[in-house]
Amino acid sequence: GQVAESMASAISEFVGKDDYDISDVATKVEERVTSAVSKLDNVYLTADAAKNAPEGSKVIILTDVVRPVAGQMKEAGKEAVLAFTGKEEYKFGDISKEAAKRAKNAVANLLGQEEYKFGDVTKKAMNKAMDAIAGFTGKEEYKFGDITKTLLRKALNYLEDDDDKKK
């Protein structure tokens, strides 16, 4: 579906390639955080780079902070993907396929059906509209002009009742 394609496209754009996995996402997050933090004062990528820090300054070594977090993110991401897809191993497209499957199941559940097929929402909406028209016109089957005739009949009845009340 469109949601799954949108998600896949956004992730693909974020990591910079079409064939990606959760490790690529975590790596890209690590790269972006590293880039952003490298612009801050007293924050250095490595212990070697921190040797150039002004004496007495409180130094933050990014690799000491980011590497464990990125590693945990990768592991948590892998576990989340496997839990979401219900699979033991991730393959490209699994997230999109699972999201599409869940969206279809949610729509089917909303419609009170076992499974969703393209066009089911439209059919359900049309059936509700036809039920409303049948309720309004009092006829089981709609024919062109029924709404107008019913509207005119009800308006005339209303006016006649109003005239009877004035007498």
Protein backbone atom coordinates (compact mmCIF):
# COMPACT_ATOMS: atom_id res chain seq x y z
CA GLY A 1 0.00 0.00 0.00
CA GLN A 2 0.83 3.66 -0.09
CA VAL A 3 1.76 3.86 3.61
CA ALA A 4 4.28 1.05 3.29
CA GLU A 5 5.74 2.56 0.12
CA SER A 6 5.99 5.96 1.81
CA MET A 7 7.78 4.49 4.82
CA ALA A 8 10.18 2.52 2.64
CA SER A 9 10.87 5.59 0.51
CA ALA A 10 11.56 7.82 3.53
CA ILE A 11 13.92 5.29 5.10
CA SER A 12 15.62 4.70 1.76
CA GLU A 13 16.15 8.44 1.34
CA PHE A 14 17.45 8.74 4.92
CA VAL A 15 20.06 5.98 4.53
CA GLY A 16 20.87 6.89 0.91
CA LYS A 17 20.19 3.54 -0.71
CA ASP A 18 17.26 1.38 -1.80
CA ASP A 19 18.48 -1.93 -0.37
CA TYR A 20 18.85 -1.22 3.37
CA ASP A 21 18.43 -2.94 6.71
CA ILE A 22 18.09 -1.70 10.29
CA SER A 23 21.90 -1.57 10.69
CA ASP A 24 22.04 0.97 7.86
CA VAL A 25 19.52 3.14 9.73
CA ALA A 26 21.50 2.95 12.99
CA THR A 27 24.75 3.71 11.13
CA LYS A 28 23.18 6.77 9.48
CA VAL A 29 21.89 7.99 12.85
CA GLU A 30 25.39 7.54 14.28
CA GLU A 31 26.91 9.50 11.36
CA ARG A 32 24.47 12.37 11.77
CA VAL A 33 24.90 12.58 15.53
CA THR A 34 28.68 12.44 15.13
CA SER A 35 28.57 15.22 12.56
CA ALA A 36 26.34 17.42 14.71
CA VAL A 37 28.33 16.90 17.89
CA SER A 38 31.65 17.51 16.14
CA LYS A 39 30.58 21.12 15.73
CA LEU A 40 30.32 21.60 19.51
CA ASP A 41 33.15 22.91 21.71
CA ASN A 42 35.12 20.43 23.83
CA VAL A 43 33.52 17.47 22.11
CA TYR A 44 35.92 15.26 20.19
CA LEU A 45 35.45 12.19 18.07
CA THR A 46 38.34 10.21 19.55
CA ALA A 47 40.68 10.25 22.53
CA ASP A 48 43.52 11.21 20.14
CA ALA A 49 41.59 14.25 18.93
CA ALA A 50 40.83 15.22 22.56
CA LYS A 51 44.57 15.60 23.20
CA ASN A 52 44.32 18.94 21.37
CA ALA A 53 41.70 20.26 23.80
CA PRO A 54 42.55 23.35 25.82
CA GLU A 55 44.18 22.41 29.08
CA GLY A 56 41.77 22.14 31.99
CA SER A 57 38.69 21.90 29.79
CA LYS A 58 36.06 19.27 30.42
CA VAL A 59 36.37 16.99 27.39
CA ILE A 60 33.67 14.73 25.99
CA ILE A 61 34.90 11.94 23.75
CA LEU A 62 32.09 11.16 21.36
CA THR A 63 33.09 7.61 20.52
CA ASP A 64 32.83 6.76 24.22
CA VAL A 65 29.27 8.09 24.24
CA VAL A 66 27.91 7.28 20.79
CA ARG A 67 29.40 3.86 20.12
CA PRO A 68 27.57 2.08 22.98
CA VAL A 69 24.34 3.95 22.20
CA ALA A 70 24.60 3.18 18.49
CA GLY A 71 25.31 -0.46 19.29
CA GLN A 72 22.31 -0.62 21.57
CA MET A 73 20.20 1.10 18.92
CA LYS A 74 21.26 -1.46 16.32
CA GLU A 75 20.41 -4.36 18.61
CA ALA A 76 17.15 -2.80 19.79
CA GLY A 77 16.27 -1.97 16.20
CA LYS A 78 16.94 -5.52 15.04
CA GLU A 79 14.88 -6.92 17.91
CA ALA A 80 12.04 -4.48 17.20
CA VAL A 81 11.99 -5.36 13.51
CA LEU A 82 11.98 -9.09 14.23
CA ALA A 83 9.22 -8.65 16.82
CA PHE A 84 7.20 -6.50 14.40
CA THR A 85 7.56 -8.89 11.47
CA GLY A 86 7.40 -12.09 13.56
CA LYS A 87 10.39 -13.45 11.66
CA GLU A 88 13.72 -14.76 12.89
CA GLU A 89 15.71 -12.99 10.18
CA TYR A 90 15.14 -9.67 8.42
CA LYS A 91 14.94 -9.46 4.65
CA PHE A 92 14.59 -6.29 2.61
CA GLY A 93 10.93 -5.24 2.41
CA ASP A 94 9.78 -7.19 5.49
CA ILE A 95 8.80 -4.03 7.38
CA SER A 96 6.81 -2.64 4.46
CA LYS A 97 5.07 -5.97 3.86
CA GLU A 98 4.15 -6.34 7.53
CA ALA A 99 2.88 -2.74 7.72
CA ALA A 100 0.73 -3.29 4.62
CA LYS A 101 -0.61 -6.56 6.02
CA ARG A 102 -1.51 -4.90 9.32
CA ALA A 103 -3.17 -1.97 7.56
CA LYS A 104 -5.30 -4.37 5.48
CA ASN A 105 -6.26 -6.32 8.60
CA ALA A 106 -7.23 -3.10 10.40
CA VAL A 107 -9.45 -2.01 7.49
CA ALA A 108 -11.00 -5.48 7.24
CA ASN A 109 -11.69 -5.42 10.98
CA LEU A 110 -13.23 -1.96 10.68
CA LEU A 111 -15.46 -3.23 7.87
CA GLY A 112 -16.34 -6.38 9.82
CA GLN A 113 -14.78 -8.69 7.22
CA GLU A 114 -12.30 -11.55 7.34
CA GLU A 115 -9.94 -9.85 4.90
CA TYR A 116 -9.70 -6.62 2.93
CA LYS A 117 -9.82 -6.49 -0.84
CA PHE A 118 -9.29 -3.39 -2.94
CA GLY A 119 -12.61 -1.56 -3.32
CA ASP A 120 -14.17 -2.88 -0.10
CA VAL A 121 -14.24 0.56 1.54
CA THR A 122 -15.98 2.06 -1.49
CA LYS A 123 -18.52 -0.79 -1.58
CA LYS A 124 -19.25 -0.38 2.12
CA ALA A 125 -19.69 3.39 1.72
CA MET A 126 -21.99 2.91 -1.27
CA ASN A 127 -24.08 0.36 0.61
CA LYS A 128 -24.48 2.76 3.54
CA ALA A 129 -25.45 5.55 1.15
CA MET A 130 -28.00 3.32 -0.57
CA ASP A 131 -29.40 2.26 2.83
CA ALA A 132 -29.80 5.93 3.75
CA ILE A 133 -31.54 6.65 0.45
CA ALA A 134 -33.84 3.64 0.95
CA GLY A 135 -34.64 4.90 4.44
CA PHE A 136 -35.43 8.35 3.11
CA THR A 137 -37.50 7.24 0.11
CA GLY A 138 -39.10 4.18 1.75
CA LYS A 139 -38.21 2.09 -1.33
CA GLU A 140 -35.99 -0.97 -1.40
CA GLU A 141 -34.45 -0.16 -4.80
CA TYR A 142 -33.42 3.28 -5.93
CA LYS A 143 -34.51 4.60 -9.31
CA PHE A 144 -33.46 7.88 -10.80
CA GLY A 145 -35.74 10.62 -9.50
CA ASP A 146 -36.78 8.84 -6.28
CA ILE A 147 -35.05 11.36 -4.04
CA THR A 148 -36.61 14.33 -5.80
CA LYS A 149 -40.08 12.74 -5.76
CA THR A 150 -39.78 11.87 -2.07
CA LEU A 151 -38.51 15.33 -1.23
CA LEU A 152 -41.43 16.98 -3.10
CA ARG A 153 -43.96 14.56 -1.55
CA LYS A 154 -42.65 15.25 1.97
CA ALA A 155 -42.62 19.01 1.34
CA LEU A 156 -46.24 18.92 0.10
CA ASN A 157 -47.31 16.79 3.08
CA TYR A 158 -45.62 19.24 5.41
CA LEU A 159 -47.36 22.20 3.76
CA GLU A 160 -50.74 20.43 3.83
CA ASP A 161 -50.32 19.61 7.53
CA ASP A 162 -49.36 23.22 8.16
CA ASP A 163 -52.51 24.42 6.33
CA ASP A 164 -54.66 22.01 8.38
CA LYS A 165 -53.23 23.45 11.59
CA LYS A 166 -54.13 27.00 10.55
CA LYS A 167 -57.83 26.10 10.03
